[in-house]
Protein backbone atom coordinates (compact mmCIF):
# COMPACT_ATOMS: atom_id res chain seq x y z
CA MET A 1 -38.50 -147.45 -60.33
CA GLU A 2 -35.65 -148.03 -57.43
CA THR A 3 -35.20 -145.78 -54.96
CA LYS A 4 -33.32 -145.51 -51.51
CA LEU A 5 -35.97 -147.18 -49.65
CA GLN A 6 -34.44 -150.32 -51.40
CA GLN A 7 -31.04 -149.80 -50.18
CA THR A 8 -31.78 -150.69 -47.02
CA ASN A 9 -29.20 -152.36 -44.46
CA GLN A 10 -29.20 -155.72 -42.80
CA ASN A 11 -31.80 -155.27 -40.26
CA ASN A 12 -34.19 -153.21 -42.62
CA THR A 13 -34.79 -150.09 -40.55
CA MET A 14 -32.52 -147.52 -41.96
CA PRO A 15 -32.12 -146.26 -45.52
CA ALA A 16 -28.62 -145.32 -46.77
CA GLY A 17 -28.34 -141.03 -45.34
CA ILE A 18 -31.04 -140.88 -42.81
CA PHE A 19 -29.83 -140.52 -39.56
CA GLU A 20 -31.31 -137.63 -37.76
CA GLY A 21 -34.66 -135.54 -38.67
CA VAL A 22 -37.57 -136.79 -40.45
CA GLU A 23 -37.85 -138.07 -43.49
CA ALA A 24 -41.17 -138.25 -44.94
CA PHE A 25 -42.06 -140.30 -48.57
CA TRP A 26 -44.51 -141.33 -50.52
CA TYR A 27 -43.37 -145.38 -52.37
CA ALA A 28 -45.37 -147.55 -54.14
CA GLY A 29 -48.75 -145.98 -53.23
CA GLU A 30 -48.42 -145.43 -49.50
CA LYS A 31 -47.03 -142.83 -47.42
CA TRP A 32 -44.27 -143.27 -45.21
CA ILE A 33 -42.06 -141.92 -42.52
CA ILE A 34 -38.70 -142.78 -40.91
CA GLN A 35 -37.60 -141.44 -37.79
CA ASN A 36 -34.49 -142.52 -35.62
CA GLY A 37 -33.76 -145.13 -38.21
CA MET A 38 -37.09 -146.61 -37.97
CA LYS A 39 -39.31 -146.90 -40.88
CA MET A 40 -43.02 -146.92 -40.58
CA ARG A 41 -46.05 -146.28 -42.77
CA PHE A 42 -47.86 -142.87 -41.93
CA SER A 43 -50.47 -144.76 -40.45
CA ASP A 44 -48.34 -146.30 -37.77
CA ALA A 45 -46.37 -143.34 -37.06
CA PRO A 46 -46.44 -142.01 -33.84
CA LEU A 47 -49.33 -138.78 -33.57
CA LYS A 48 -47.42 -136.25 -33.42
CA LEU A 49 -45.55 -137.12 -36.61
CA ARG A 50 -48.37 -137.08 -38.42
CA ASP A 51 -50.06 -133.88 -36.91
CA MET A 52 -46.45 -132.48 -37.92
CA ILE A 53 -46.38 -133.56 -41.52
CA ALA A 54 -50.49 -132.44 -41.83
CA ASN A 55 -49.79 -129.03 -40.26
CA GLN A 56 -47.51 -128.54 -43.30
CA PHE A 57 -50.15 -129.46 -45.60
CA LEU A 58 -52.37 -126.91 -43.78
CA LYS A 59 -50.07 -124.19 -44.41
CA ASP A 60 -49.55 -124.78 -47.93
CA LYS A 61 -51.94 -122.85 -49.47
CA PRO A 62 -50.85 -122.53 -52.96
CA SER A 63 -50.97 -126.13 -53.67
CA GLN A 64 -54.73 -126.55 -51.55
CA GLU A 65 -55.88 -123.96 -54.24
CA ILE A 66 -54.33 -126.02 -57.13
CA LEU A 67 -56.14 -128.98 -55.67
CA ARG A 68 -59.26 -127.11 -54.93
CA LYS A 69 -59.51 -125.63 -58.84
CA GLN A 70 -59.03 -129.48 -59.68
CA GLY A 71 -62.16 -130.17 -57.57
CA ILE A 72 -60.15 -131.87 -55.04
CA THR A 73 -61.70 -130.61 -51.68
CA ALA A 74 -61.82 -133.42 -49.19
CA PHE A 75 -59.04 -133.32 -46.56
CA SER A 76 -58.10 -136.99 -47.02
CA SER A 77 -57.69 -136.86 -50.87
CA ALA A 78 -56.14 -133.82 -50.85
CA PHE A 79 -53.41 -134.70 -48.24
CA GLU A 80 -52.97 -137.87 -50.01
CA MET A 81 -51.90 -136.16 -53.41
CA TRP A 82 -49.98 -133.53 -51.58
CA TYR A 83 -47.84 -135.89 -49.73
CA ARG A 84 -47.53 -137.81 -53.13
CA CYS A 85 -46.03 -134.76 -54.65
CA VAL A 86 -44.70 -132.36 -52.61
CA ILE A 87 -43.46 -134.55 -50.10
CA GLY A 88 -42.22 -137.23 -52.72
CA ALA A 89 -39.86 -139.58 -53.22
CA LEU A 90 -36.98 -141.09 -50.62
CA ASP A 91 -33.76 -138.78 -51.15
CA SER A 92 -31.08 -138.93 -48.24
CA THR A 93 -32.40 -135.53 -47.30
CA PRO A 94 -34.26 -135.50 -44.36
CA ASP A 95 -37.74 -133.04 -45.01
CA PHE A 96 -37.79 -131.88 -41.23
CA ILE A 97 -35.07 -131.29 -39.11
CA ASN A 98 -36.42 -129.84 -35.68
CA GLY A 99 -39.66 -129.47 -36.77
CA LYS A 100 -38.68 -127.30 -39.75
CA PHE A 101 -39.94 -128.52 -43.41
CA THR A 102 -37.98 -128.45 -46.28
CA ALA A 103 -39.93 -130.23 -49.37
CA ASP A 104 -38.01 -132.21 -51.89
CA SER A 105 -38.09 -129.13 -54.44
CA PHE A 106 -35.99 -131.09 -56.67
CA ASN A 107 -38.12 -134.57 -56.47
CA TYR A 108 -37.56 -135.88 -59.64
CA ALA A 109 -38.45 -139.66 -58.93
CA CYS A 110 -42.54 -139.26 -59.93
CA ASP A 111 -42.91 -141.17 -62.82
CA ASP A 112 -46.48 -140.19 -63.97
CA HIS A 113 -46.28 -138.02 -66.97
CA GLU A 114 -49.77 -137.95 -67.40
CA CYS A 115 -50.59 -136.22 -64.18
CA GLN A 116 -52.76 -133.29 -63.93
CA PHE A 117 -50.43 -131.62 -61.10
CA ARG A 118 -47.27 -132.22 -62.91
CA GLY A 119 -45.10 -129.32 -62.31
CA LYS A 120 -47.63 -127.39 -60.33
CA LEU A 121 -47.16 -129.46 -56.92
CA CYS A 122 -43.99 -131.18 -57.56
CA GLY A 123 -42.70 -127.98 -58.53
CA ARG A 124 -40.82 -126.46 -61.64
CA ALA A 125 -37.82 -128.27 -60.46
CA SER A 126 -39.74 -131.92 -61.37
CA GLY A 127 -36.62 -132.34 -63.91
CA LEU A 128 -33.56 -131.68 -61.72
CA ASN A 129 -31.14 -134.14 -59.94
CA SER A 130 -28.76 -133.77 -56.75
CA THR A 131 -26.12 -132.30 -58.68
CA ASP A 132 -28.50 -129.62 -60.48
CA VAL A 133 -29.67 -129.09 -57.18
CA GLN A 134 -26.21 -128.66 -55.51
CA THR A 135 -25.48 -126.04 -58.40
CA LEU A 136 -28.15 -123.93 -57.54
CA ALA A 137 -27.59 -123.49 -53.93
CA ALA A 138 -23.67 -122.85 -54.42
CA LEU A 139 -24.66 -120.22 -57.41
CA LYS A 140 -27.13 -118.73 -54.67
CA ARG A 141 -24.23 -118.35 -52.42
CA GLY A 142 -23.02 -115.47 -54.43
CA ASP A 143 -19.55 -116.48 -54.75
CA ASN A 144 -17.53 -115.76 -58.29
CA PHE A 145 -17.60 -118.64 -60.77
CA ARG A 146 -14.30 -119.66 -59.58
CA GLN A 147 -15.32 -119.84 -56.00
CA THR A 148 -18.33 -121.65 -57.25
CA ALA A 149 -16.72 -124.58 -59.19
CA ALA A 150 -14.06 -125.12 -56.43
CA SER A 151 -16.93 -125.35 -53.86
CA LEU A 152 -18.48 -128.18 -56.32
CA TYR A 153 -15.06 -129.42 -57.04
CA VAL A 154 -15.59 -128.79 -61.04
CA SER A 155 -13.75 -126.78 -63.42
CA GLU A 156 -15.19 -123.32 -64.58
CA PRO A 157 -15.80 -124.41 -68.13
CA GLY A 158 -17.63 -127.58 -66.31
CA LEU A 159 -19.57 -125.08 -64.25
CA LYS A 160 -20.55 -123.26 -67.07
CA SER A 161 -21.52 -126.19 -68.79
CA ARG A 162 -24.13 -127.14 -66.13
CA VAL A 163 -25.52 -123.54 -65.56
CA THR A 164 -26.16 -123.48 -69.07
CA LYS A 165 -28.05 -126.70 -69.17
CA LEU A 166 -29.81 -125.05 -65.85
CA ARG A 167 -30.98 -122.36 -67.43
CA GLU A 168 -32.34 -123.79 -70.57
CA LYS A 169 -34.56 -126.57 -68.12
CA LEU A 170 -35.70 -123.58 -65.64
CA GLU A 171 -36.02 -121.18 -68.72
CA ALA A 172 -34.27 -118.68 -67.52
CA ARG A 173 -32.32 -116.01 -69.25
CA ASN A 174 -28.99 -115.37 -67.44
CA THR A 175 -27.53 -116.25 -63.92
CA ALA A 176 -29.37 -113.85 -61.93
CA ALA A 177 -32.77 -115.32 -63.37
CA LEU A 178 -31.80 -118.83 -62.54
CA THR A 179 -30.69 -117.91 -59.03
CA ALA A 180 -34.20 -116.12 -58.37
CA ARG A 181 -35.66 -119.41 -60.05
CA ALA A 182 -34.06 -121.19 -57.61
CA ALA A 183 -35.40 -119.35 -54.56
CA GLU A 184 -38.62 -119.72 -56.46
CA ILE A 185 -38.41 -123.49 -55.99
CA GLY A 186 -37.04 -123.80 -52.58
CA ILE A 187 -33.61 -124.30 -53.37
């Protein structure tokens, strides 16, 4: 699977798009962090960064409960699974800005379709792409269809098509239910 990790510059220090904040991600079976343009393994990161991420895991009680029900109770094992599934793959949006965590709720990079946690830790949106997420975020602002289509640079029929597909993906009966689902998955 190719990720933006492979789209690095000549110095191999900076993937496209991460210039501020902290991006945490799972790649090739390991935990990684990017801060200030520097890519590093989680284990090599400053203690302050590791603690910041570990504290987010400790605050995520719903994920911990799912892991506990599956018999994963050791901190290190649970943290590894959480990092893989909740933190997810590298994207162009930092997970931490000014210490505030925003999970990659639209993480769709996982190709482990047999995972017992699929759709639980990675969220209902495990099949959403960035266009889907942009559309949901625009709908949540509450503008009418004309304004929303203009803000996304698509036609109104194009937006209606996107919304119809999103309603199917997220099993929402109408646009109001769709925006409620977007809020549930952190968009």
